[in-house]
Protein backbone atom coordinates (compact mmCIF):
# COMPACT_ATOMS: atom_id res chain seq x y z
CA MET A 1 113.23 97.52 93.94
CA ILE A 2 115.83 95.73 91.82
CA ARG A 3 117.56 94.55 95.00
CA TYR A 4 114.61 92.39 95.86
CA GLY A 5 114.23 91.10 92.29
CA LEU A 6 116.82 88.35 92.62
CA PHE A 7 115.35 87.20 95.90
CA TYR A 8 111.85 87.05 94.42
CA ILE A 9 113.08 85.15 91.36
CA ALA A 10 114.66 82.54 93.63
CA PHE A 11 111.52 82.37 95.76
CA PHE A 12 109.25 81.84 92.75
CA PHE A 13 111.61 79.21 91.30
CA ILE A 14 111.43 77.24 94.55
CA LEU A 15 107.67 77.76 94.75
CA ALA A 16 107.14 76.57 91.16
CA SER A 17 109.23 73.43 91.69
CA SER A 18 107.30 72.72 94.90
CA ILE A 19 103.93 73.10 93.21
CA LEU A 20 104.94 70.57 90.58
CA THR A 21 105.64 67.99 93.29
CA GLY A 22 102.43 68.83 95.18
CA GLU A 23 104.18 70.04 98.33
CA ILE A 24 105.32 73.40 99.56
CA GLU A 25 108.10 73.32 102.10
CA HIS A 26 109.44 76.53 103.56
CA ARG A 27 111.84 77.77 106.19
CA ARG A 28 112.64 81.24 107.39
CA TYR A 29 116.23 82.46 107.43
CA ASP A 30 117.26 86.03 108.21
CA LEU A 31 120.24 87.49 106.36
CA ASP A 32 122.26 90.31 107.89
CA SER A 33 121.14 92.74 105.15
CA VAL A 34 119.35 92.96 101.81
CA PRO A 35 120.57 90.53 99.10
CA LYS A 36 122.77 92.26 96.52
CA ASP A 37 123.48 89.31 94.22
CA LEU A 38 122.31 85.72 93.85
CA VAL A 39 124.05 82.94 91.88
CA TRP A 40 122.85 79.39 91.19
CA CYS A 41 125.69 76.89 90.62
CA GLY A 42 126.24 73.27 89.70
CA PRO A 43 124.79 70.99 87.05
CA ASN A 44 121.46 70.66 88.88
CA ARG A 45 121.44 74.22 90.26
CA GLU A 46 121.45 72.88 93.81
CA SER A 47 124.07 75.28 95.17
CA VAL A 48 123.08 78.89 95.70
CA PHE A 49 125.22 81.84 96.78
CA ILE A 50 123.87 85.16 98.07
CA LEU A 51 125.99 88.27 98.55
CA THR A 52 124.41 90.87 100.83
CA GLU A 53 124.82 94.63 100.92
CA LEU A 54 127.08 94.22 103.97
CA ASP A 55 129.34 91.97 101.81
CA SER A 56 128.39 88.80 103.67
CA LEU A 57 128.41 85.65 101.59
CA TYR A 58 125.87 82.89 102.27
CA LYS A 59 125.82 79.42 100.69
CA SER A 60 123.06 76.88 100.33
CA GLU A 61 123.70 73.38 99.03
CA ASP A 62 120.03 72.37 98.91
CA LYS A 63 118.43 74.91 96.54
CA GLY A 64 118.01 77.53 99.26
CA PHE A 65 116.35 75.56 102.05
CA THR A 66 119.26 75.97 104.48
CA TRP A 67 121.92 78.67 104.54
CA LYS A 68 125.39 79.03 106.01
CA LYS A 69 127.40 82.24 106.26
CA ILE A 70 130.84 81.49 104.80
CA ASN A 71 132.80 84.74 105.21
CA ASP A 72 134.95 83.23 107.98
CA VAL A 73 135.79 80.20 105.84
CA PHE A 74 137.50 82.37 103.23
CA THR A 75 139.35 84.48 105.78
CA SER A 76 140.77 81.60 107.80
CA THR A 77 141.51 79.38 104.78
CA GLY A 78 143.16 82.18 102.81
CA LYS A 79 145.29 83.28 105.75
CA GLU A 80 146.45 79.72 106.44
CA GLN A 81 147.38 79.20 102.79
CA LEU A 82 149.37 82.43 102.68
CA GLU A 83 151.24 81.56 105.86
CA GLU A 84 152.07 78.05 104.59
CA ASN A 85 153.26 79.31 101.21
CA GLU A 86 154.88 82.57 102.30
CA ASN A 87 158.16 81.83 100.54
CA GLU A 88 156.42 80.89 97.30
CA VAL A 89 154.38 84.09 97.32
CA LYS A 90 157.54 86.23 97.65
CA MET A 91 159.21 84.46 94.71
CA ILE A 92 156.47 85.40 92.24
């Protein structure tokens, strides 16, 4: 029950902001599993991150209207950085 709490809070936040403007816009997006954690970021709370039970990380830059899975971004970027700075990592 608590797992769905964060999702419902986000949904009602978006719904409330839409009601104030007189429009309700919605899109359906399926995650790979149940949301485990949700974080709003930025000064205007426009960026949203969702971590699922399968440890997939999704990012939205438009208050949750569109989502992008970003697990591969961290893996490829982190690996490239380690390979480029291999000597520096060994010195620490």
